[in-house]
Every structure is written in structure tokens, then in C-alpha cells.
Amino acid sequence: MTSLHKLGSSDLDIFPLVLGGNVFGWTADEPTSFAVLDAYTAAGGNLIDTADAYTAWIEGNKGGESETVIGNWLTARGNRDDVLIASKVSQHPEFPGLSAANIKAAADASLRRLKTDYIDLYYTHFDKPEVPVEEIIGALDELVRAGKVRHIAASNISAERLQESLDFSDREGLARYVALQPHYNLVSRDTYEGPLRDVAARAGLGVLPYFGLAAGFLTGKYRPGATVDSGRGGNAAQLAETERGQRVLAALDEVAAAHGVAVPTVALAWLAAQPTVAAPIASARRLDQLPALLAVADLILTTEEVDHLTRASA
């Protein structure tokens, strides 16, 4: 079985692939979501990523649908102690923002939907610069002290605000971010590389990139002139028409062929090989999409292959 490894400075041991829950209650109905969750955990996977806002953007949804599906699965399987659950606050229509009162109310709502009394990793989903870091960290620290949250993390935050948050935690002896979830992949590198990565490296944060497959583009199914049935393929189709996009696909094809693996496996393996990255996040809306994602746990790229992909994506 694939070995687990520590997430940053936390006591969380994680599998090399995080399962994204953004499709649960959206492009994956509950029975399909249960099947994907079952297969992921059967393969040794143990960290499921969701947010209170998933999937509020769908007409007729209110937000919290993904958490509800996961909560129903946890209850049906009776396996809460065997998996790690990550969720996020700030974007739910009924619980917007990062005020102290909202963070605590949103966490309670997430716990109800997840049908659990604790969240293993709780993120600020999108930073709100108008709220002082003292208020945000103070509220998150209260959740940790209450036993409702084990560890805290940040997503979609500037390098400056991340550093300010870490400094405040250290100065006051409060809960400290252990992980960072940035938008990062082979065709979106400036969203993480640079000052943000520098802060993460100095602070010893475990980095769990989202959009690891660029909304499907890095699966290789989007090619010039191809028509793809997907709920979120607009940007991916546009990328396929660019010179850079085609250069990245060609490099992915080459490395995938050398290892006898699927294109998305290589795209995730490139992420996994990057400094500070603990594990990429990827989601599967169908059971047959999962094996190529899980395979990242067993694929180690050579230095030459990593460099080849990096040059292609420049």
C-alpha cells in the first residue's frame, strides 16, 4: 500500500492524492459520489477536500451540497475516524466573509452537514483583506481550542497576508496555518510560484494545489477541434488552441508514453514533484476517471522529465 506522509507541521498523515469534493452534488450525484469515495478510500486515499460553498453556483442549490453528500457517506460507511475531512469558510451565500462571528457560525453549519463533531483541516476559502488577521486567526484558534477543528489552513491569499497571519499566530501563541491551497498547475504557475511559494517554504506549510488538472485541460481530452462533454470545459477548450497549451500536451504525451500511464497522472506527478507540494487535489465525476488520478501515488518522474514539462509550460 502507498505510504502516507505528514502534512506540513501537522500530525495529519495524508495520501499522495487529495480527493476533490467540488463535483459532489453537481456533476456527480450521490450514488456516483459514494462509489468514487468508496474506490478512493479502498485504494488507501484518506483526505477529502470540500467547502461550505460547494455547489452554490448551480441553479437551485444553496451551498453545502458537497458537504451533505460527504456527511451522508460518512454516516452510511461508519468510517469517520478512518478519513480526514477538509472544508472551507467565506463563500457560502448564507455565511459570507471572515468575521469572527461568521467563521464560527459557518463551521457549525459545516459540522451539521458533514454529520461530524470535528473538521480535520479548516481553510479560509478566499481571504478578505478588510478583516484584520487578528480577528480571523482569533476565531480559528477558538474553533481549535473547542475541538471543532484540528488544524487550520489558507487558500486564495496573498503572500503578504499569509505572512502577516503566520507572524500573528507565532507572536500570540495561537493556532497557526499548517497548509496552503493555491491555484497551481502546469499552465497556471504564476498563481503560486514566486513570493507565495517563498512564504510557504519558509513557514514549512504543506501545499495542496487545486485546479491541478486545469479544469480538465491537463487530462489531455481537450485537443484542437475536439468536442468534450463537460460541465466546466470552456477555458480548457481555449487552452487547447494556444501554442503553449499544445506544447504542454505534447510534453505530457511524451512522458506518459514513456511510463505507460495516462496524461493526467503525469500532470499531477509534475505537481507532486514541485518544492513545498504535499499532494495535489483532483476530482472525479465518474468512477472510471479515478484510476488515472490515483496512479500519481506510484509515479515518480525523473529530474529530466520534470524539467522537460517545466520548460514546455514556460
C-alpha atoms as a PDB file:
ATOM      1  CA  MET A   1       0.000   0.000   0.000  1.00  0.00           C
ATOM      2  CA  THR A   2       1.186   3.528  -0.772  1.00  0.00           C
ATOM      3  CA  SER A   3       2.765   5.160   2.267  1.00  0.00           C
ATOM      4  CA  LEU A   4       1.270   8.261   3.860  1.00  0.00           C
ATOM      5  CA  HIS A   5       3.281  11.345   4.738  1.00  0.00           C
ATOM      6  CA  LYS A   6       2.948  14.251   7.150  1.00  0.00           C
ATOM      7  CA  LEU A   7       1.143  17.399   6.034  1.00  0.00           C
ATOM      8  CA  GLY A   8       3.414  20.310   6.881  1.00  0.00           C
ATOM      9  CA  SER A   9       3.931  20.670  10.619  1.00  0.00           C
ATOM     10  CA  SER A  10       0.621  18.973  11.454  1.00  0.00           C
ATOM     11  CA  ASP A  11       0.011  15.497  12.821  1.00  0.00           C
ATOM     12  CA  LEU A  12      -2.072  14.616   9.746  1.00  0.00           C
ATOM     13  CA  ASP A  13      -0.714  11.726   7.661  1.00  0.00           C
ATOM     14  CA  ILE A  14      -2.017  12.072   4.106  1.00  0.00           C
ATOM     15  CA  PHE A  15      -2.201  10.017   0.924  1.00  0.00           C
ATOM     16  CA  PRO A  16      -0.331  11.438  -2.131  1.00  0.00           C
ATOM     17  CA  LEU A  17      -3.639  12.397  -3.798  1.00  0.00           C
ATOM     18  CA  VAL A  18      -6.365  14.504  -2.196  1.00  0.00           C
ATOM     19  CA  LEU A  19      -9.869  13.781  -3.492  1.00  0.00           C
ATOM     20  CA  GLY A  20     -11.692  16.952  -4.515  1.00  0.00           C
ATOM     21  CA  GLY A  21     -15.329  17.107  -3.460  1.00  0.00           C
ATOM     22  CA  ASN A  22     -16.336  20.035  -5.680  1.00  0.00           C
ATOM     23  CA  VAL A  23     -18.193  17.702  -8.079  1.00  0.00           C
ATOM     24  CA  PHE A  24     -20.310  16.025  -5.377  1.00  0.00           C
ATOM     25  CA  GLY A  25     -23.866  17.282  -5.664  1.00  0.00           C
ATOM     26  CA  TRP A  26     -23.040  18.848  -9.031  1.00  0.00           C
ATOM     27  CA  THR A  27     -21.756  16.693 -11.895  1.00  0.00           C
ATOM     28  CA  ALA A  28     -21.693  13.620  -9.646  1.00  0.00           C
ATOM     29  CA  ASP A  29     -24.974  12.633  -7.988  1.00  0.00           C
ATOM     30  CA  GLU A  30     -24.989  10.995  -4.564  1.00  0.00           C
ATOM     31  CA  PRO A  31     -24.763   7.331  -5.695  1.00  0.00           C
ATOM     32  CA  THR A  32     -21.879   8.180  -8.053  1.00  0.00           C
ATOM     33  CA  SER A  33     -20.184  10.243  -5.340  1.00  0.00           C
ATOM     34  CA  PHE A  34     -20.462   7.317  -2.914  1.00  0.00           C
ATOM     35  CA  ALA A  35     -18.881   5.000  -5.495  1.00  0.00           C
ATOM     36  CA  VAL A  36     -15.981   7.416  -6.079  1.00  0.00           C
ATOM     37  CA  LEU A  37     -15.444   7.884  -2.336  1.00  0.00           C
ATOM     38  CA  ASP A  38     -15.521   4.123  -1.781  1.00  0.00           C
ATOM     39  CA  ALA A  39     -12.969   3.491  -4.522  1.00  0.00           C
ATOM     40  CA  TYR A  40     -10.687   6.296  -3.344  1.00  0.00           C
ATOM     41  CA  THR A  41     -10.589   5.036   0.237  1.00  0.00           C
ATOM     42  CA  ALA A  42     -10.265   1.402  -0.887  1.00  0.00           C
ATOM     43  CA  ALA A  43      -7.075   2.441  -2.703  1.00  0.00           C
ATOM     44  CA  GLY A  44      -5.679   3.954   0.501  1.00  0.00           C
ATOM     45  CA  GLY A  45      -6.847   7.536  -0.036  1.00  0.00           C
ATOM     46  CA  ASN A  46      -7.728   9.374   3.148  1.00  0.00           C
ATOM     47  CA  LEU A  47      -8.099  13.150   2.604  1.00  0.00           C
ATOM     48  CA  ILE A  48     -11.327  14.528   1.131  1.00  0.00           C
ATOM     49  CA  ASP A  49     -11.464  18.226   0.256  1.00  0.00           C
ATOM     50  CA  THR A  50     -14.715  20.187   0.213  1.00  0.00           C
ATOM     51  CA  ALA A  51     -16.084  23.651   1.073  1.00  0.00           C
ATOM     52  CA  ASP A  52     -19.293  25.027   2.516  1.00  0.00           C
ATOM     53  CA  ALA A  53     -19.930  26.895  -0.761  1.00  0.00           C
ATOM     54  CA  TYR A  54     -19.870  23.756  -2.955  1.00  0.00           C
ATOM     55  CA  THR A  55     -22.118  23.856  -5.024  1.00  0.00           C
ATOM     56  CA  ALA A  56     -23.917  27.169  -4.553  1.00  0.00           C
ATOM     57  CA  TRP A  57     -23.188  28.240  -8.151  1.00  0.00           C
ATOM     58  CA  ILE A  58     -25.673  25.705  -9.555  1.00  0.00           C
ATOM     59  CA  GLU A  59     -29.229  26.945 -10.070  1.00  0.00           C
ATOM     60  CA  GLY A  60     -31.465  25.534  -7.375  1.00  0.00           C
ATOM     61  CA  ASN A  61     -28.575  24.781  -4.992  1.00  0.00           C
ATOM     62  CA  LYS A  62     -27.956  26.685  -1.763  1.00  0.00           C
ATOM     63  CA  GLY A  63     -24.387  25.677  -0.973  1.00  0.00           C
ATOM     64  CA  GLY A  64     -23.355  22.827   1.252  1.00  0.00           C
ATOM     65  CA  GLU A  65     -24.459  20.116  -1.166  1.00  0.00           C
ATOM     66  CA  SER A  66     -20.975  18.574  -1.305  1.00  0.00           C
ATOM     67  CA  GLU A  67     -20.647  18.526   2.488  1.00  0.00           C
ATOM     68  CA  THR A  68     -24.079  16.927   2.745  1.00  0.00           C
ATOM     69  CA  VAL A  69     -23.130  14.132   0.339  1.00  0.00           C
ATOM     70  CA  ILE A  70     -19.893  13.508   2.244  1.00  0.00           C
ATOM     71  CA  GLY A  71     -21.736  13.553   5.573  1.00  0.00           C
ATOM     72  CA  ASN A  72     -24.245  11.020   4.297  1.00  0.00           C
ATOM     73  CA  TRP A  73     -21.393   8.812   3.072  1.00  0.00           C
ATOM     74  CA  LEU A  74     -19.534   9.040   6.383  1.00  0.00           C
ATOM     75  CA  THR A  75     -22.703   8.030   8.211  1.00  0.00           C
ATOM     76  CA  ALA A  76     -23.505   5.196   5.821  1.00  0.00           C
ATOM     77  CA  ARG A  77     -19.984   3.776   5.997  1.00  0.00           C
ATOM     78  CA  GLY A  78     -19.304   4.485   9.677  1.00  0.00           C
ATOM     79  CA  ASN A  79     -15.732   5.392   8.826  1.00  0.00           C
ATOM     80  CA  ARG A  80     -15.269   8.921  10.180  1.00  0.00           C
ATOM     81  CA  ASP A  81     -12.133   8.033  12.134  1.00  0.00           C
ATOM     82  CA  ASP A  82     -10.506   6.478   9.050  1.00  0.00           C
ATOM     83  CA  VAL A  83     -10.605   9.580   6.832  1.00  0.00           C
ATOM     84  CA  LEU A  84      -9.579  13.216   7.005  1.00  0.00           C
ATOM     85  CA  ILE A  85     -12.059  15.936   6.034  1.00  0.00           C
ATOM     86  CA  ALA A  86     -11.020  19.390   4.845  1.00  0.00           C
ATOM     87  CA  SER A  87     -13.576  22.168   4.408  1.00  0.00           C
ATOM     88  CA  LYS A  88     -13.571  25.926   3.942  1.00  0.00           C
ATOM     89  CA  VAL A  89     -15.297  29.132   5.030  1.00  0.00           C
ATOM     90  CA  SER A  90     -16.059  32.546   3.468  1.00  0.00           C
ATOM     91  CA  GLN A  91     -18.055  31.875   0.300  1.00  0.00           C
ATOM     92  CA  HIS A  92     -21.342  30.264   1.392  1.00  0.00           C
ATOM     93  CA  PRO A  93     -24.250  32.563   0.433  1.00  0.00           C
ATOM     94  CA  GLU A  94     -25.620  32.427   3.982  1.00  0.00           C
ATOM     95  CA  PHE A  95     -22.206  32.654   5.648  1.00  0.00           C
ATOM     96  CA  PRO A  96     -20.121  35.104   3.603  1.00  0.00           C
ATOM     97  CA  GLY A  97     -16.878  36.598   4.787  1.00  0.00           C
ATOM     98  CA  LEU A  98     -14.350  36.011   7.530  1.00  0.00           C
ATOM     99  CA  SER A  99     -15.675  37.925  10.508  1.00  0.00           C
ATOM    100  CA  ALA A 100     -15.178  36.041  13.765  1.00  0.00           C
ATOM    101  CA  ALA A 101     -18.909  35.514  14.218  1.00  0.00           C
ATOM    102  CA  ASN A 102     -19.317  34.223  10.667  1.00  0.00           C
ATOM    103  CA  ILE A 103     -16.366  31.824  10.877  1.00  0.00           C
ATOM    104  CA  LYS A 104     -17.829  30.208  13.984  1.00  0.00           C
ATOM    105  CA  ALA A 105     -21.392  30.062  12.619  1.00  0.00           C
ATOM    106  CA  ALA A 106     -20.230  28.665   9.278  1.00  0.00           C
ATOM    107  CA  ALA A 107     -18.128  25.997  10.998  1.00  0.00           C
ATOM    108  CA  ASP A 108     -21.130  24.836  13.000  1.00  0.00           C
ATOM    109  CA  ALA A 109     -23.215  24.648   9.819  1.00  0.00           C
ATOM    110  CA  SER A 110     -20.489  22.621   8.079  1.00  0.00           C
ATOM    111  CA  LEU A 111     -20.289  20.230  11.032  1.00  0.00           C
ATOM    112  CA  ARG A 112     -24.042  19.649  10.840  1.00  0.00           C
ATOM    113  CA  ARG A 113     -23.933  18.892   7.110  1.00  0.00           C
ATOM    114  CA  LEU A 114     -20.876  16.671   7.476  1.00  0.00           C
ATOM    115  CA  LYS A 115     -22.568  14.879  10.393  1.00  0.00           C
ATOM    116  CA  THR A 116     -19.395  15.038  12.455  1.00  0.00           C
ATOM    117  CA  ASP A 117     -18.161  16.914  15.501  1.00  0.00           C
ATOM    118  CA  TYR A 118     -14.776  17.918  14.088  1.00  0.00           C
ATOM    119  CA  ILE A 119     -13.125  19.015  10.842  1.00  0.00           C
ATOM    120  CA  ASP A 120      -9.531  17.897  10.340  1.00  0.00           C
ATOM    121  CA  LEU A 121      -8.397  20.830   8.185  1.00  0.00           C
ATOM    122  CA  TYR A 122     -10.360  24.088   8.034  1.00  0.00           C
ATOM    123  CA  TYR A 123      -9.460  26.693   5.400  1.00  0.00           C
ATOM    124  CA  THR A 124     -10.212  30.316   4.890  1.00  0.00           C
ATOM    125  CA  HIS A 125     -11.543  29.825   1.342  1.00  0.00           C
ATOM    126  CA  PHE A 126     -10.868  33.316  -0.007  1.00  0.00           C
ATOM    127  CA  ASP A 127      -9.048  35.860   2.103  1.00  0.00           C
ATOM    128  CA  LYS A 128     -10.954  39.032   2.991  1.00  0.00           C
ATOM    129  CA  PRO A 129      -8.321  41.777   3.350  1.00  0.00           C
ATOM    130  CA  GLU A 130     -10.809  44.091   5.023  1.00  0.00           C
ATOM    131  CA  VAL A 131     -10.873  41.773   8.054  1.00  0.00           C
ATOM    132  CA  PRO A 132      -7.804  42.024  10.323  1.00  0.00           C
ATOM    133  CA  VAL A 133      -5.768  38.821  10.523  1.00  0.00           C
ATOM    134  CA  GLU A 134      -6.073  39.130  14.312  1.00  0.00           C
ATOM    135  CA  GLU A 135      -9.840  38.599  14.057  1.00  0.00           C
ATOM    136  CA  ILE A 136      -9.558  35.690  11.604  1.00  0.00           C
ATOM    137  CA  ILE A 137      -6.836  33.815  13.463  1.00  0.00           C
ATOM    138  CA  GLY A 138      -8.509  34.512  16.799  1.00  0.00           C
ATOM    139  CA  ALA A 139     -11.763  32.922  15.622  1.00  0.00           C
ATOM    140  CA  LEU A 140      -9.987  29.939  14.081  1.00  0.00           C
ATOM    141  CA  ASP A 141      -8.000  29.452  17.277  1.00  0.00           C
ATOM    142  CA  GLU A 142     -11.264  29.313  19.242  1.00  0.00           C
ATOM    143  CA  LEU A 143     -12.509  26.537  16.965  1.00  0.00           C
ATOM    144  CA  VAL A 144      -9.300  24.582  17.526  1.00  0.00           C
ATOM    145  CA  ARG A 145      -9.481  25.044  21.296  1.00  0.00           C
ATOM    146  CA  ALA A 146     -13.131  23.922  21.238  1.00  0.00           C
ATOM    147  CA  GLY A 147     -12.154  20.722  19.438  1.00  0.00           C
ATOM    148  CA  LYS A 148     -14.274  21.556  16.393  1.00  0.00           C
ATOM    149  CA  VAL A 149     -11.222  21.931  14.133  1.00  0.00           C
ATOM    150  CA  ARG A 150      -7.918  20.053  14.353  1.00  0.00           C
ATOM    151  CA  HIS A 151      -5.774  22.252  12.085  1.00  0.00           C
ATOM    152  CA  ILE A 152      -6.227  25.479  10.120  1.00  0.00           C
ATOM    153  CA  ALA A 153      -5.149  26.412   6.604  1.00  0.00           C
ATOM    154  CA  ALA A 154      -5.478  29.149   3.993  1.00  0.00           C
ATOM    155  CA  SER A 155      -6.484  29.271   0.338  1.00  0.00           C
ATOM    156  CA  ASN A 156      -6.536  32.128  -2.167  1.00  0.00           C
ATOM    157  CA  ILE A 157      -4.444  34.505  -0.088  1.00  0.00           C
ATOM    158  CA  SER A 158      -1.633  36.923  -0.898  1.00  0.00           C
ATOM    159  CA  ALA A 159       1.923  36.310   0.249  1.00  0.00           C
ATOM    160  CA  GLU A 160       1.737  39.410   2.419  1.00  0.00           C
ATOM    161  CA  ARG A 161      -1.450  38.424   4.217  1.00  0.00           C
ATOM    162  CA  LEU A 162      -0.238  34.854   4.664  1.00  0.00           C
ATOM    163  CA  GLN A 163       2.990  36.048   6.270  1.00  0.00           C
ATOM    164  CA  GLU A 164       1.091  38.512   8.452  1.00  0.00           C
ATOM    165  CA  SER A 165      -1.210  35.704   9.630  1.00  0.00           C
ATOM    166  CA  LEU A 166       1.685  33.382  10.437  1.00  0.00           C
ATOM    167  CA  ASP A 167       3.536  36.139  12.296  1.00  0.00           C
ATOM    168  CA  PHE A 168       0.469  36.910  14.409  1.00  0.00           C
ATOM    169  CA  SER A 169      -0.041  33.239  15.300  1.00  0.00           C
ATOM    170  CA  ASP A 170       3.598  32.891  16.302  1.00  0.00           C
ATOM    171  CA  ARG A 171       3.610  36.106  18.305  1.00  0.00           C
ATOM    172  CA  GLU A 172       0.424  35.337  20.213  1.00  0.00           C
ATOM    173  CA  GLY A 173       0.842  31.568  20.529  1.00  0.00           C
ATOM    174  CA  LEU A 174      -2.392  30.887  18.634  1.00  0.00           C
ATOM    175  CA  ALA A 175      -3.333  28.238  16.091  1.00  0.00           C
ATOM    176  CA  ARG A 176      -1.111  28.535  13.030  1.00  0.00           C
ATOM    177  CA  TYR A 177      -1.773  27.679   9.415  1.00  0.00           C
ATOM    178  CA  VAL A 178      -0.251  24.288   8.553  1.00  0.00           C
ATOM    179  CA  ALA A 179      -1.293  24.152   4.906  1.00  0.00           C
ATOM    180  CA  LEU A 180      -1.943  26.304   1.860  1.00  0.00           C
ATOM    181  CA  GLN A 181      -4.260  25.562  -1.053  1.00  0.00           C
ATOM    182  CA  PRO A 182      -3.304  27.698  -4.067  1.00  0.00           C
ATOM    183  CA  HIS A 183      -4.464  27.597  -7.671  1.00  0.00           C
ATOM    184  CA  TYR A 184      -1.500  25.871  -9.292  1.00  0.00           C
ATOM    185  CA  ASN A 185      -0.840  23.597 -12.237  1.00  0.00           C
ATOM    186  CA  LEU A 186       1.340  23.248 -15.342  1.00  0.00           C
ATOM    187  CA  VAL A 187      -0.496  26.024 -17.178  1.00  0.00           C
ATOM    188  CA  SER A 188      -1.087  28.268 -14.149  1.00  0.00           C
ATOM    189  CA  ARG A 189       2.259  28.712 -12.467  1.00  0.00           C
ATOM    190  CA  ASP A 190       2.313  32.417 -11.628  1.00  0.00           C
ATOM    191  CA  THR A 191      -0.692  31.864  -9.328  1.00  0.00           C
ATOM    192  CA  TYR A 192       1.711  30.231  -6.862  1.00  0.00           C
ATOM    193  CA  GLU A 193       5.364  30.382  -7.881  1.00  0.00           C
ATOM    194  CA  GLY A 194       7.142  33.448  -6.520  1.00  0.00           C
ATOM    195  CA  PRO A 195       6.502  35.263  -3.215  1.00  0.00           C
ATOM    196  CA  LEU A 196       3.616  32.987  -2.156  1.00  0.00           C
ATOM    197  CA  ARG A 197       5.712  29.851  -2.602  1.00  0.00           C
ATOM    198  CA  ASP A 198       8.581  31.545  -0.762  1.00  0.00           C
ATOM    199  CA  VAL A 199       6.376  32.177   2.273  1.00  0.00           C
ATOM    200  CA  ALA A 200       5.053  28.607   2.194  1.00  0.00           C
ATOM    201  CA  ALA A 201       8.580  27.226   2.028  1.00  0.00           C
ATOM    202  CA  ARG A 202       9.890  29.356   4.894  1.00  0.00           C
ATOM    203  CA  ALA A 203       6.905  28.501   7.064  1.00  0.00           C
ATOM    204  CA  GLY A 204       7.026  24.772   6.341  1.00  0.00           C
ATOM    205  CA  LEU A 205       3.457  24.717   5.046  1.00  0.00           C
ATOM    206  CA  GLY A 206       2.093  21.641   3.291  1.00  0.00           C
ATOM    207  CA  VAL A 207       0.818  22.828  -0.084  1.00  0.00           C
ATOM    208  CA  LEU A 208      -2.231  21.170  -1.649  1.00  0.00           C
ATOM    209  CA  PRO A 209      -2.834  22.754  -5.075  1.00  0.00           C
ATOM    210  CA  TYR A 210      -6.334  22.971  -6.514  1.00  0.00           C
ATOM    211  CA  PHE A 211      -7.197  23.008 -10.234  1.00  0.00           C
ATOM    212  CA  GLY A 212      -4.318  20.541 -10.565  1.00  0.00           C
ATOM    213  CA  LEU A 213      -5.705  19.451 -13.935  1.00  0.00           C
ATOM    214  CA  ALA A 214      -6.664  22.964 -15.076  1.00  0.00           C
ATOM    215  CA  ALA A 215     -10.413  22.243 -15.104  1.00  0.00           C
ATOM    216  CA  GLY A 216      -9.813  19.199 -17.292  1.00  0.00           C
ATOM    217  CA  PHE A 217      -7.326  20.600 -19.792  1.00  0.00           C
ATOM    218  CA  LEU A 218      -4.425  18.578 -18.370  1.00  0.00           C
ATOM    219  CA  THR A 219      -6.351  15.324 -18.730  1.00  0.00           C
ATOM    220  CA  GLY A 220      -5.448  15.507 -22.423  1.00  0.00           C
ATOM    221  CA  LYS A 221      -9.032  15.155 -23.604  1.00  0.00           C
ATOM    222  CA  TYR A 222      -9.152  18.736 -24.872  1.00  0.00           C
ATOM    223  CA  ARG A 223      -7.381  18.920 -28.222  1.00  0.00           C
ATOM    224  CA  PRO A 224      -7.673  21.423 -31.074  1.00  0.00           C
ATOM    225  CA  GLY A 225     -11.014  20.866 -32.774  1.00  0.00           C
ATOM    226  CA  ALA A 226     -12.237  18.308 -30.218  1.00  0.00           C
ATOM    227  CA  THR A 227     -15.689  18.479 -28.647  1.00  0.00           C
ATOM    228  CA  VAL A 228     -15.831  17.407 -24.997  1.00  0.00           C
ATOM    229  CA  ASP A 229     -18.906  16.772 -22.851  1.00  0.00           C
ATOM    230  CA  SER A 230     -18.056  18.530 -19.602  1.00  0.00           C
ATOM    231  CA  GLY A 231     -19.757  20.909 -17.216  1.00  0.00           C
ATOM    232  CA  ARG A 232     -16.686  23.128 -16.944  1.00  0.00           C
ATOM    233  CA  GLY A 233     -14.705  22.867 -20.160  1.00  0.00           C
ATOM    234  CA  GLY A 234     -14.801  26.370 -21.643  1.00  0.00           C
ATOM    235  CA  ASN A 235     -11.383  27.557 -20.534  1.00  0.00           C
ATOM    236  CA  ALA A 236      -9.857  24.143 -21.160  1.00  0.00           C
ATOM    237  CA  ALA A 237     -11.024  24.179 -24.770  1.00  0.00           C
ATOM    238  CA  GLN A 238      -9.497  27.648 -25.234  1.00  0.00           C
ATOM    239  CA  LEU A 239      -6.170  26.496 -23.778  1.00  0.00           C
ATOM    240  CA  ALA A 240      -6.060  23.666 -26.296  1.00  0.00           C
ATOM    241  CA  GLU A 241      -5.953  26.198 -29.125  1.00  0.00           C
ATOM    242  CA  THR A 242      -2.921  28.079 -27.784  1.00  0.00           C
ATOM    243  CA  GLU A 243       0.687  27.359 -28.738  1.00  0.00           C
ATOM    244  CA  ARG A 244       1.647  26.957 -25.092  1.00  0.00           C
ATOM    245  CA  GLY A 245      -1.248  24.601 -24.437  1.00  0.00           C
ATOM    246  CA  GLN A 246      -0.279  22.400 -27.351  1.00  0.00           C
ATOM    247  CA  ARG A 247       3.361  22.432 -26.243  1.00  0.00           C
ATOM    248  CA  VAL A 248       2.357  21.246 -22.754  1.00  0.00           C
ATOM    249  CA  LEU A 249       0.127  18.499 -24.158  1.00  0.00           C
ATOM    250  CA  ALA A 250       2.937  17.265 -26.405  1.00  0.00           C
ATOM    251  CA  ALA A 251       5.322  17.051 -23.432  1.00  0.00           C
ATOM    252  CA  LEU A 252       2.697  15.295 -21.320  1.00  0.00           C
ATOM    253  CA  ASP A 253       2.033  12.797 -24.124  1.00  0.00           C
ATOM    254  CA  GLU A 254       5.754  12.056 -24.394  1.00  0.00           C
ATOM    255  CA  VAL A 255       6.277  11.448 -20.667  1.00  0.00           C
ATOM    256  CA  ALA A 256       3.032   9.477 -20.330  1.00  0.00           C
ATOM    257  CA  ALA A 257       4.069   7.178 -23.176  1.00  0.00           C
ATOM    258  CA  ALA A 258       7.472   6.610 -21.569  1.00  0.00           C
ATOM    259  CA  HIS A 259       5.848   5.396 -18.358  1.00  0.00           C
ATOM    260  CA  GLY A 260       2.799   3.717 -19.854  1.00  0.00           C
ATOM    261  CA  VAL A 261       0.450   5.909 -17.816  1.00  0.00           C
ATOM    262  CA  ALA A 262      -2.357   8.362 -18.568  1.00  0.00           C
ATOM    263  CA  VAL A 263      -1.765  12.061 -19.279  1.00  0.00           C
ATOM    264  CA  PRO A 264      -3.489  13.308 -16.087  1.00  0.00           C
ATOM    265  CA  THR A 265      -1.245  11.056 -13.996  1.00  0.00           C
ATOM    266  CA  VAL A 266       1.812  12.854 -15.383  1.00  0.00           C
ATOM    267  CA  ALA A 267       0.290  16.316 -14.875  1.00  0.00           C
ATOM    268  CA  LEU A 268      -0.369  15.513 -11.213  1.00  0.00           C
ATOM    269  CA  ALA A 269       3.075  13.911 -10.824  1.00  0.00           C
ATOM    270  CA  TRP A 270       4.680  17.156 -12.044  1.00  0.00           C
ATOM    271  CA  LEU A 271       2.805  18.996  -9.289  1.00  0.00           C
ATOM    272  CA  ALA A 272       3.776  16.409  -6.702  1.00  0.00           C
ATOM    273  CA  ALA A 273       7.436  16.896  -7.663  1.00  0.00           C
ATOM    274  CA  GLN A 274       7.370  20.649  -7.012  1.00  0.00           C
ATOM    275  CA  PRO A 275       9.008  22.105  -3.905  1.00  0.00           C
ATOM    276  CA  THR A 276       6.574  22.533  -0.969  1.00  0.00           C
ATOM    277  CA  VAL A 277       3.772  20.496  -2.615  1.00  0.00           C
ATOM    278  CA  ALA A 278       2.450  17.816  -0.247  1.00  0.00           C
ATOM    279  CA  ALA A 279      -0.190  16.396  -2.584  1.00  0.00           C
ATOM    280  CA  PRO A 280      -2.302  17.628  -5.494  1.00  0.00           C
ATOM    281  CA  ILE A 281      -6.086  17.777  -5.342  1.00  0.00           C
ATOM    282  CA  ALA A 282      -8.156  16.246  -8.145  1.00  0.00           C
ATOM    283  CA  SER A 283     -11.793  15.276  -8.515  1.00  0.00           C
ATOM    284  CA  ALA A 284     -13.580  12.534 -10.419  1.00  0.00           C
ATOM    285  CA  ARG A 285     -17.176  12.905 -11.527  1.00  0.00           C
ATOM    286  CA  ARG A 286     -17.215   9.302 -12.770  1.00  0.00           C
ATOM    287  CA  LEU A 287     -15.695   6.169 -11.320  1.00  0.00           C
ATOM    288  CA  ASP A 288     -13.696   5.453 -14.484  1.00  0.00           C
ATOM    289  CA  GLN A 289     -11.810   8.758 -14.092  1.00  0.00           C
ATOM    290  CA  LEU A 290     -10.373   7.807 -10.715  1.00  0.00           C
ATOM    291  CA  PRO A 291      -7.632   5.250 -11.579  1.00  0.00           C
ATOM    292  CA  ALA A 292      -5.598   7.784 -13.575  1.00  0.00           C
ATOM    293  CA  LEU A 293      -5.698  10.146 -10.587  1.00  0.00           C
ATOM    294  CA  LEU A 294      -4.794   7.514  -8.008  1.00  0.00           C
ATOM    295  CA  ALA A 295      -1.845   6.403 -10.144  1.00  0.00           C
ATOM    296  CA  VAL A 296       0.039   9.575  -9.173  1.00  0.00           C
ATOM    297  CA  ALA A 297       0.813   7.856  -5.871  1.00  0.00           C
ATOM    298  CA  ASP A 298       3.095   5.397  -7.689  1.00  0.00           C
ATOM    299  CA  LEU A 299       4.639   7.616 -10.374  1.00  0.00           C
ATOM    300  CA  ILE A 300       7.974   9.298  -9.708  1.00  0.00           C
ATOM    301  CA  LEU A 301       9.186  11.449 -12.592  1.00  0.00           C
ATOM    302  CA  THR A 302      12.882  11.803 -13.328  1.00  0.00           C
ATOM    303  CA  THR A 303      14.527  15.184 -12.907  1.00  0.00           C
ATOM    304  CA  GLU A 304      14.834  15.381 -16.685  1.00  0.00           C
ATOM    305  CA  GLU A 305      11.119  14.722 -17.156  1.00  0.00           C
ATOM    306  CA  VAL A 306      10.152  17.354 -14.593  1.00  0.00           C
ATOM    307  CA  ASP A 307      12.449  19.868 -16.297  1.00  0.00           C
ATOM    308  CA  HIS A 308      11.050  18.969 -19.724  1.00  0.00           C
ATOM    309  CA  LEU A 309       7.500  19.652 -18.561  1.00  0.00           C
ATOM    310  CA  THR A 310       8.552  22.838 -16.794  1.00  0.00           C
ATOM    311  CA  ARG A 311      10.199  24.186 -19.954  1.00  0.00           C
ATOM    312  CA  ALA A 312       7.166  23.274 -22.067  1.00  0.00           C
ATOM    313  CA  SER A 313       4.896  25.221 -19.731  1.00  0.00           C
ATOM    314  CA  ALA A 314       7.069  28.355 -19.606  1.00  0.00           C
END
